[in-house]
Amino acid sequence: MLNRFRRLGGLWGKDRRGTAALEFGLVAFPLLLIVFGGAELAMVLNQYLTLTNATIVGAEQFAFSAGVDATPYADAVSAIEEAAPTLTPLGITLVVNGAVCTDTSSTTCATALSGGTGYVTVTVTYSCAAINLVFNLLPDCRLTAKETERVQ
């Protein structure tokens, strides 16, 4: 009986069939996790750059339209949405000298902008949790960009 096990053990020790499949099975999941995680990270970075650029465009539009434009709030929001058409919905907050602008008819913002002094701050948020390639690696992903410009 012992000789029989020795012969089987000897055969198993020399037989290398299936080794590559076993190694691939051990390495496949971590490798796929790295590949898809890297792809998801690249997409989030692309969205962050787009969001940051849109925030800068909106802040410049808002600051430079002081006293010149009749609808600075609407133009700033429109500039932000046009600069980031793939990022919807966006949470946009416009502030002039500490006063939050809520809509196009905000007299507080219009008054502050008409003076031509102070600062505008534009904050834009975007939820990037909807990115799902295979795994949802970033379930609570939220991007925020903030830009401050001097009113001119």
N, C-alpha and C. Protein backbone atom coordinates (compact mmCIF):
# COMPACT_ATOMS: atom_id res chain seq x y z
N MET A 1 0.83 -1.19 0.00
CA MET A 1 0.00 0.00 0.00
C MET A 1 0.87 1.25 0.00
N LEU A 2 1.91 1.27 0.80
CA LEU A 2 2.80 2.42 0.87
C LEU A 2 3.50 2.64 -0.47
N ASN A 3 3.86 1.57 -1.13
CA ASN A 3 4.49 1.71 -2.45
C ASN A 3 3.54 2.34 -3.46
N ARG A 4 2.28 2.03 -3.34
CA ARG A 4 1.28 2.59 -4.24
C ARG A 4 1.21 4.11 -4.08
N PHE A 5 1.19 4.61 -2.84
CA PHE A 5 1.16 6.06 -2.59
C PHE A 5 2.44 6.73 -3.06
N ARG A 6 3.56 6.05 -2.91
CA ARG A 6 4.82 6.62 -3.37
C ARG A 6 4.82 6.79 -4.89
N ARG A 7 4.28 5.78 -5.57
CA ARG A 7 4.20 5.88 -7.02
C ARG A 7 3.28 7.02 -7.44
N LEU A 8 2.13 7.19 -6.77
CA LEU A 8 1.22 8.29 -7.09
C LEU A 8 1.85 9.63 -6.76
N GLY A 9 2.51 9.70 -5.63
CA GLY A 9 3.19 10.94 -5.26
C GLY A 9 4.27 11.28 -6.25
N GLY A 10 4.97 10.31 -6.72
CA GLY A 10 6.00 10.54 -7.71
C GLY A 10 5.42 11.04 -9.01
N LEU A 11 4.28 10.50 -9.40
CA LEU A 11 3.63 10.97 -10.63
C LEU A 11 3.13 12.40 -10.46
N TRP A 12 2.57 12.67 -9.31
CA TRP A 12 2.06 14.03 -9.08
C TRP A 12 3.19 15.04 -9.02
N GLY A 13 4.30 14.66 -8.50
CA GLY A 13 5.44 15.57 -8.40
C GLY A 13 6.02 15.92 -9.76
N LYS A 14 5.91 15.03 -10.73
CA LYS A 14 6.46 15.27 -12.06
C LYS A 14 5.45 15.88 -13.01
N ASP A 15 4.19 15.71 -12.75
CA ASP A 15 3.14 16.21 -13.65
C ASP A 15 2.93 17.70 -13.42
N ARG A 16 3.19 18.51 -14.43
CA ARG A 16 3.08 19.97 -14.32
C ARG A 16 1.86 20.52 -15.08
N ARG A 17 1.00 19.67 -15.57
CA ARG A 17 -0.17 20.15 -16.29
C ARG A 17 -1.10 20.92 -15.36
N GLY A 18 -1.60 22.05 -15.83
CA GLY A 18 -2.53 22.86 -15.05
C GLY A 18 -1.87 23.89 -14.16
N THR A 19 -0.54 23.91 -14.14
CA THR A 19 0.15 24.88 -13.29
C THR A 19 -0.12 26.31 -13.74
N ALA A 20 -0.10 26.55 -15.03
CA ALA A 20 -0.34 27.90 -15.56
C ALA A 20 -1.77 28.35 -15.25
N ALA A 21 -2.72 27.44 -15.36
CA ALA A 21 -4.11 27.80 -15.05
C ALA A 21 -4.27 28.13 -13.58
N LEU A 22 -3.60 27.41 -12.72
CA LEU A 22 -3.66 27.68 -11.29
C LEU A 22 -3.03 29.04 -10.97
N GLU A 23 -1.88 29.32 -11.56
CA GLU A 23 -1.22 30.60 -11.33
C GLU A 23 -2.07 31.76 -11.86
N PHE A 24 -2.67 31.57 -13.03
CA PHE A 24 -3.54 32.61 -13.58
C PHE A 24 -4.74 32.84 -12.67
N GLY A 25 -5.30 31.78 -12.14
CA GLY A 25 -6.43 31.91 -11.23
C GLY A 25 -6.07 32.68 -9.97
N LEU A 26 -4.86 32.53 -9.49
CA LEU A 26 -4.42 33.26 -8.30
C LEU A 26 -4.14 34.73 -8.59
N VAL A 27 -3.69 35.04 -9.79
CA VAL A 27 -3.27 36.39 -10.13
C VAL A 27 -4.39 37.19 -10.83
N ALA A 28 -5.37 36.54 -11.41
CA ALA A 28 -6.37 37.22 -12.25
C ALA A 28 -7.18 38.27 -11.47
N PHE A 29 -7.69 37.92 -10.32
CA PHE A 29 -8.55 38.87 -9.59
C PHE A 29 -7.80 40.12 -9.16
N PRO A 30 -6.63 40.02 -8.51
CA PRO A 30 -5.92 41.25 -8.18
C PRO A 30 -5.52 42.06 -9.41
N LEU A 31 -5.16 41.39 -10.49
CA LEU A 31 -4.79 42.09 -11.71
C LEU A 31 -5.98 42.85 -12.29
N LEU A 32 -7.14 42.22 -12.35
CA LEU A 32 -8.35 42.89 -12.85
C LEU A 32 -8.76 44.05 -11.94
N LEU A 33 -8.59 43.87 -10.65
CA LEU A 33 -8.89 44.94 -9.70
C LEU A 33 -7.99 46.16 -9.95
N ILE A 34 -6.73 45.92 -10.20
CA ILE A 34 -5.80 47.01 -10.50
C ILE A 34 -6.15 47.68 -11.82
N VAL A 35 -6.46 46.91 -12.84
CA VAL A 35 -6.77 47.48 -14.16
C VAL A 35 -8.04 48.31 -14.11
N PHE A 36 -9.12 47.75 -13.56
CA PHE A 36 -10.39 48.50 -13.52
C PHE A 36 -10.32 49.65 -12.52
N GLY A 37 -9.58 49.48 -11.44
CA GLY A 37 -9.41 50.58 -10.48
C GLY A 37 -8.64 51.73 -11.11
N GLY A 38 -7.62 51.41 -11.89
CA GLY A 38 -6.86 52.44 -12.58
C GLY A 38 -7.70 53.17 -13.62
N ALA A 39 -8.53 52.41 -14.34
CA ALA A 39 -9.41 53.04 -15.34
C ALA A 39 -10.43 53.95 -14.66
N GLU A 40 -10.98 53.51 -13.54
CA GLU A 40 -11.95 54.34 -12.82
C GLU A 40 -11.29 55.59 -12.25
N LEU A 41 -10.09 55.45 -11.75
CA LEU A 41 -9.36 56.60 -11.23
C LEU A 41 -9.07 57.60 -12.35
N ALA A 42 -8.71 57.11 -13.53
CA ALA A 42 -8.46 57.99 -14.66
C ALA A 42 -9.72 58.75 -15.06
N MET A 43 -10.87 58.09 -15.03
CA MET A 43 -12.11 58.78 -15.37
C MET A 43 -12.46 59.84 -14.33
N VAL A 44 -12.23 59.54 -13.06
CA VAL A 44 -12.52 60.53 -12.00
C VAL A 44 -11.58 61.72 -12.13
N LEU A 45 -10.31 61.49 -12.43
CA LEU A 45 -9.38 62.60 -12.62
C LEU A 45 -9.79 63.46 -13.82
N ASN A 46 -10.24 62.83 -14.89
CA ASN A 46 -10.72 63.58 -16.05
C ASN A 46 -11.92 64.43 -15.68
N GLN A 47 -12.84 63.88 -14.92
CA GLN A 47 -14.01 64.64 -14.48
C GLN A 47 -13.60 65.79 -13.55
N TYR A 48 -12.62 65.55 -12.70
CA TYR A 48 -12.17 66.61 -11.80
C TYR A 48 -11.53 67.76 -12.58
N LEU A 49 -10.73 67.44 -13.59
CA LEU A 49 -10.14 68.50 -14.41
C LEU A 49 -11.21 69.28 -15.16
N THR A 50 -12.21 68.59 -15.67
CA THR A 50 -13.31 69.26 -16.36
C THR A 50 -14.07 70.16 -15.39
N LEU A 51 -14.33 69.67 -14.19
CA LEU A 51 -15.05 70.44 -13.17
C LEU A 51 -14.25 71.68 -12.76
N THR A 52 -12.95 71.52 -12.56
CA THR A 52 -12.11 72.64 -12.17
C THR A 52 -12.07 73.70 -13.27
N ASN A 53 -11.95 73.27 -14.51
CA ASN A 53 -11.94 74.20 -15.63
C ASN A 53 -13.27 74.94 -15.73
N ALA A 54 -14.38 74.23 -15.57
CA ALA A 54 -15.70 74.87 -15.63
C ALA A 54 -15.87 75.89 -14.50
N THR A 55 -15.34 75.57 -13.34
CA THR A 55 -15.43 76.50 -12.20
C THR A 55 -14.64 77.77 -12.47
N ILE A 56 -13.46 77.64 -13.04
CA ILE A 56 -12.65 78.81 -13.37
C ILE A 56 -13.36 79.66 -14.43
N VAL A 57 -13.92 79.03 -15.44
CA VAL A 57 -14.64 79.75 -16.49
C VAL A 57 -15.83 80.51 -15.90
N GLY A 58 -16.58 79.84 -15.03
CA GLY A 58 -17.75 80.48 -14.41
C GLY A 58 -17.37 81.63 -13.50
N ALA A 59 -16.29 81.47 -12.73
CA ALA A 59 -15.85 82.53 -11.83
C ALA A 59 -15.37 83.75 -12.61
N GLU A 60 -14.65 83.53 -13.68
CA GLU A 60 -14.20 84.66 -14.50
C GLU A 60 -15.38 85.37 -15.15
N GLN A 61 -16.33 84.60 -15.66
CA GLN A 61 -17.52 85.20 -16.27
C GLN A 61 -18.29 86.03 -15.25
N PHE A 62 -18.44 85.49 -14.06
CA PHE A 62 -19.19 86.17 -13.00
C PHE A 62 -18.47 87.44 -12.54
N ALA A 63 -17.16 87.37 -12.38
CA ALA A 63 -16.40 88.52 -11.89
C ALA A 63 -16.29 89.62 -12.95
N PHE A 64 -16.11 89.25 -14.20
CA PHE A 64 -15.91 90.24 -15.25
C PHE A 64 -17.21 90.88 -15.72
N SER A 65 -18.34 90.28 -15.38
CA SER A 65 -19.62 90.85 -15.82
C SER A 65 -20.18 91.86 -14.83
N ALA A 66 -19.42 92.22 -13.84
CA ALA A 66 -19.87 93.16 -12.81
C ALA A 66 -20.15 94.52 -13.42
N GLY A 67 -21.38 94.99 -13.31
CA GLY A 67 -21.76 96.30 -13.79
C GLY A 67 -21.89 96.40 -15.30
N VAL A 68 -21.53 95.36 -16.03
CA VAL A 68 -21.58 95.38 -17.48
C VAL A 68 -22.76 94.57 -18.00
N ASP A 69 -23.02 93.49 -17.35
CA ASP A 69 -24.04 92.54 -17.80
C ASP A 69 -25.27 92.65 -16.92
N ALA A 70 -26.43 92.53 -17.54
CA ALA A 70 -27.68 92.63 -16.78
C ALA A 70 -27.99 91.33 -16.04
N THR A 71 -27.49 90.21 -16.50
CA THR A 71 -27.78 88.92 -15.87
C THR A 71 -26.47 88.17 -15.58
N PRO A 72 -25.67 88.64 -14.63
CA PRO A 72 -24.39 87.98 -14.37
C PRO A 72 -24.55 86.57 -13.81
N TYR A 73 -25.56 86.36 -12.97
CA TYR A 73 -25.77 85.04 -12.36
C TYR A 73 -26.08 84.00 -13.44
N ALA A 74 -27.06 84.31 -14.28
CA ALA A 74 -27.48 83.37 -15.32
C ALA A 74 -26.34 83.10 -16.30
N ASP A 75 -25.56 84.14 -16.63
CA ASP A 75 -24.45 83.96 -17.56
C ASP A 75 -23.35 83.09 -16.95
N ALA A 76 -23.09 83.26 -15.67
CA ALA A 76 -22.07 82.45 -15.00
C ALA A 76 -22.49 80.99 -14.94
N VAL A 77 -23.74 80.74 -14.58
CA VAL A 77 -24.25 79.36 -14.52
C VAL A 77 -24.22 78.74 -15.91
N SER A 78 -24.61 79.50 -16.90
CA SER A 78 -24.59 79.00 -18.27
C SER A 78 -23.16 78.69 -18.73
N ALA A 79 -22.21 79.54 -18.37
CA ALA A 79 -20.81 79.30 -18.73
C ALA A 79 -20.28 78.03 -18.08
N ILE A 80 -20.66 77.80 -16.84
CA ILE A 80 -20.22 76.59 -16.13
C ILE A 80 -20.81 75.35 -16.78
N GLU A 81 -22.08 75.39 -17.08
CA GLU A 81 -22.74 74.23 -17.70
C GLU A 81 -22.24 73.95 -19.10
N GLU A 82 -21.90 75.00 -19.84
CA GLU A 82 -21.36 74.81 -21.19
C GLU A 82 -19.92 74.30 -21.15
N ALA A 83 -19.17 74.66 -20.12
CA ALA A 83 -17.78 74.20 -20.00
C ALA A 83 -17.70 72.74 -19.54
N ALA A 84 -18.76 72.26 -18.91
CA ALA A 84 -18.79 70.86 -18.43
C ALA A 84 -20.10 70.20 -18.85
N PRO A 85 -20.29 69.98 -20.14
CA PRO A 85 -21.58 69.42 -20.58
C PRO A 85 -21.80 67.96 -20.17
N THR A 86 -20.73 67.22 -19.91
CA THR A 86 -20.88 65.81 -19.55
C THR A 86 -21.12 65.60 -18.06
N LEU A 87 -20.95 66.64 -17.27
CA LEU A 87 -21.12 66.51 -15.82
C LEU A 87 -22.48 67.07 -15.43
N THR A 88 -23.43 66.20 -15.25
CA THR A 88 -24.76 66.63 -14.82
C THR A 88 -25.27 65.66 -13.76
N PRO A 89 -25.96 66.12 -12.77
CA PRO A 89 -26.25 67.51 -12.43
C PRO A 89 -25.11 68.11 -11.61
N LEU A 90 -24.95 69.40 -11.74
CA LEU A 90 -23.94 70.14 -11.00
C LEU A 90 -24.59 70.94 -9.89
N GLY A 91 -23.94 71.02 -8.74
CA GLY A 91 -24.39 71.89 -7.66
C GLY A 91 -23.55 73.16 -7.73
N ILE A 92 -24.18 74.29 -8.05
CA ILE A 92 -23.45 75.54 -8.26
C ILE A 92 -23.84 76.54 -7.19
N THR A 93 -22.83 77.11 -6.54
CA THR A 93 -23.05 78.15 -5.52
C THR A 93 -22.21 79.36 -5.90
N LEU A 94 -22.86 80.50 -6.02
CA LEU A 94 -22.17 81.75 -6.35
C LEU A 94 -22.28 82.69 -5.16
N VAL A 95 -21.15 83.27 -4.76
CA VAL A 95 -21.10 84.16 -3.59
C VAL A 95 -20.38 85.44 -4.00
N VAL A 96 -20.97 86.57 -3.61
CA VAL A 96 -20.34 87.87 -3.86
C VAL A 96 -20.15 88.56 -2.51
N ASN A 97 -18.89 88.81 -2.15
CA ASN A 97 -18.55 89.48 -0.89
C ASN A 97 -19.26 88.86 0.31
N GLY A 98 -19.38 87.56 0.32
CA GLY A 98 -20.00 86.85 1.44
C GLY A 98 -21.50 86.65 1.30
N ALA A 99 -22.14 87.29 0.34
CA ALA A 99 -23.58 87.14 0.13
C ALA A 99 -23.82 86.06 -0.92
N VAL A 100 -24.62 85.06 -0.57
CA VAL A 100 -24.90 83.96 -1.48
C VAL A 100 -25.95 84.40 -2.49
N CYS A 101 -25.64 84.20 -3.76
CA CYS A 101 -26.59 84.50 -4.84
C CYS A 101 -27.45 83.26 -5.07
N THR A 102 -28.75 83.43 -5.06
CA THR A 102 -29.63 82.28 -5.19
C THR A 102 -30.24 82.14 -6.57
N ASP A 103 -30.47 83.22 -7.27
CA ASP A 103 -31.04 83.15 -8.60
C ASP A 103 -30.74 84.43 -9.37
N THR A 104 -31.29 84.53 -10.55
CA THR A 104 -30.99 85.67 -11.42
C THR A 104 -31.56 86.98 -10.88
N SER A 105 -32.57 86.90 -10.06
CA SER A 105 -33.19 88.13 -9.56
C SER A 105 -32.64 88.55 -8.19
N SER A 106 -31.52 88.01 -7.80
CA SER A 106 -30.94 88.33 -6.50
C SER A 106 -30.41 89.77 -6.51
N THR A 107 -31.08 90.65 -5.79
CA THR A 107 -30.68 92.05 -5.77
C THR A 107 -29.42 92.25 -4.93
N THR A 108 -29.20 91.37 -3.96
CA THR A 108 -27.98 91.47 -3.13
C THR A 108 -26.75 91.30 -3.99
N CYS A 109 -26.77 90.33 -4.85
CA CYS A 109 -25.62 90.07 -5.72
C CYS A 109 -25.47 91.16 -6.77
N ALA A 110 -26.58 91.59 -7.34
CA ALA A 110 -26.53 92.64 -8.35
C ALA A 110 -25.96 93.92 -7.76
N THR A 111 -26.36 94.26 -6.54
CA THR A 111 -25.86 95.46 -5.88
C THR A 111 -24.36 95.33 -5.59
N ALA A 112 -23.96 94.18 -5.09
CA ALA A 112 -22.54 93.96 -4.76
C ALA A 112 -21.68 93.98 -6.02
N LEU A 113 -22.19 93.41 -7.10
CA LEU A 113 -21.43 93.39 -8.34
C LEU A 113 -21.37 94.76 -9.00
N SER A 114 -22.42 95.55 -8.87
CA SER A 114 -22.46 96.85 -9.54
C SER A 114 -21.43 97.81 -8.95
N GLY A 115 -21.03 97.58 -7.71
CA GLY A 115 -20.02 98.43 -7.09
C GLY A 115 -18.64 98.25 -7.70
N GLY A 116 -18.40 97.09 -8.31
CA GLY A 116 -17.12 96.84 -8.95
C GLY A 116 -15.98 96.55 -7.99
N THR A 117 -16.30 96.24 -6.73
CA THR A 117 -15.26 95.92 -5.76
C THR A 117 -15.60 94.61 -5.07
N GLY A 118 -14.60 94.00 -4.51
CA GLY A 118 -14.82 92.78 -3.74
C GLY A 118 -14.41 91.53 -4.51
N TYR A 119 -14.94 90.42 -4.04
CA TYR A 119 -14.56 89.13 -4.60
C TYR A 119 -15.80 88.28 -4.86
N VAL A 120 -15.71 87.44 -5.87
CA VAL A 120 -16.74 86.44 -6.12
C VAL A 120 -16.11 85.08 -5.89
N THR A 121 -16.88 84.19 -5.32
CA THR A 121 -16.43 82.82 -5.10
C THR A 121 -17.45 81.88 -5.72
N VAL A 122 -16.96 80.99 -6.55
CA VAL A 122 -17.81 80.02 -7.23
C VAL A 122 -17.41 78.64 -6.73
N THR A 123 -18.39 77.89 -6.23
CA THR A 123 -18.17 76.52 -5.78
C THR A 123 -19.08 75.60 -6.58
N VAL A 124 -18.49 74.59 -7.19
CA VAL A 124 -19.25 73.65 -8.01
C VAL A 124 -18.98 72.24 -7.48
N THR A 125 -20.05 71.48 -7.26
CA THR A 125 -19.92 70.09 -6.79
C THR A 125 -20.54 69.14 -7.80
N TYR A 126 -20.01 67.93 -7.83
CA TYR A 126 -20.49 66.91 -8.74
C TYR A 126 -20.34 65.55 -8.08
N SER A 127 -21.36 64.74 -8.16
CA SER A 127 -21.31 63.39 -7.61
C SER A 127 -20.86 62.43 -8.70
N CYS A 128 -19.68 61.86 -8.51
CA CYS A 128 -19.14 60.93 -9.51
C CYS A 128 -19.35 59.48 -9.09
N ALA A 129 -20.30 59.22 -8.21
CA ALA A 129 -20.54 57.87 -7.72
C ALA A 129 -21.20 56.98 -8.77
N ALA A 130 -21.64 57.55 -9.88
CA ALA A 130 -22.33 56.77 -10.90
C ALA A 130 -21.38 56.00 -11.81
N ILE A 131 -20.09 56.18 -11.65
CA ILE A 131 -19.12 55.47 -12.49
C ILE A 131 -19.07 54.02 -12.02
N ASN A 132 -19.46 53.12 -12.87
CA ASN A 132 -19.39 51.69 -12.56
C ASN A 132 -18.88 50.95 -13.77
N LEU A 133 -17.64 50.50 -13.73
CA LEU A 133 -17.15 49.67 -14.80
C LEU A 133 -17.54 48.22 -14.52
N VAL A 134 -16.95 47.65 -13.53
CA VAL A 134 -17.29 46.30 -13.08
C VAL A 134 -17.60 46.33 -11.59
N PHE A 135 -16.74 46.97 -10.84
CA PHE A 135 -16.90 47.10 -9.40
C PHE A 135 -17.19 48.56 -9.08
N ASN A 136 -17.94 48.82 -8.05
CA ASN A 136 -18.16 50.19 -7.62
C ASN A 136 -17.10 50.51 -6.57
N LEU A 137 -15.93 50.93 -7.04
CA LEU A 137 -14.81 51.17 -6.16
C LEU A 137 -14.93 52.49 -5.42
N LEU A 138 -15.73 53.41 -5.94
CA LEU A 138 -15.90 54.73 -5.33
C LEU A 138 -17.38 55.02 -5.10
N PRO A 139 -18.00 54.38 -4.13
CA PRO A 139 -19.45 54.56 -3.94
C PRO A 139 -19.84 55.93 -3.40
N ASP A 140 -18.95 56.62 -2.70
CA ASP A 140 -19.27 57.93 -2.11
C ASP A 140 -18.44 59.04 -2.75
N CYS A 141 -18.18 58.94 -4.02
CA CYS A 141 -17.32 59.90 -4.71
C CYS A 141 -18.06 61.22 -4.91
N ARG A 142 -17.45 62.31 -4.45
CA ARG A 142 -18.01 63.64 -4.61
C ARG A 142 -16.86 64.60 -4.91
N LEU A 143 -16.94 65.27 -6.05
CA LEU A 143 -15.91 66.20 -6.45
C LEU A 143 -16.37 67.63 -6.18
N THR A 144 -15.46 68.47 -5.71
CA THR A 144 -15.77 69.87 -5.43
C THR A 144 -14.63 70.73 -5.95
N ALA A 145 -14.99 71.80 -6.64
CA ALA A 145 -14.01 72.77 -7.11
C ALA A 145 -14.46 74.15 -6.66
N LYS A 146 -13.50 74.96 -6.23
CA LYS A 146 -13.82 76.30 -5.71
C LYS A 146 -12.83 77.30 -6.31
N GLU A 147 -13.35 78.41 -6.78
CA GLU A 147 -12.51 79.44 -7.39
C GLU A 147 -12.96 80.81 -6.90
N THR A 148 -12.00 81.64 -6.57
CA THR A 148 -12.28 83.01 -6.13
C THR A 148 -11.63 83.98 -7.10
N GLU A 149 -12.39 84.97 -7.54
CA GLU A 149 -11.91 85.98 -8.48
C GLU A 149 -12.23 87.35 -7.93
N ARG A 150 -11.42 88.31 -8.29
CA ARG A 150 -11.65 89.68 -7.89
C ARG A 150 -12.62 90.34 -8.88
N VAL A 151 -13.60 91.06 -8.37
CA VAL A 151 -14.56 91.76 -9.21
C VAL A 151 -13.85 92.89 -9.94
N GLN A 152 -14.10 92.97 -11.24
CA GLN A 152 -13.40 94.01 -12.02
C GLN A 152 -14.38 94.83 -12.82
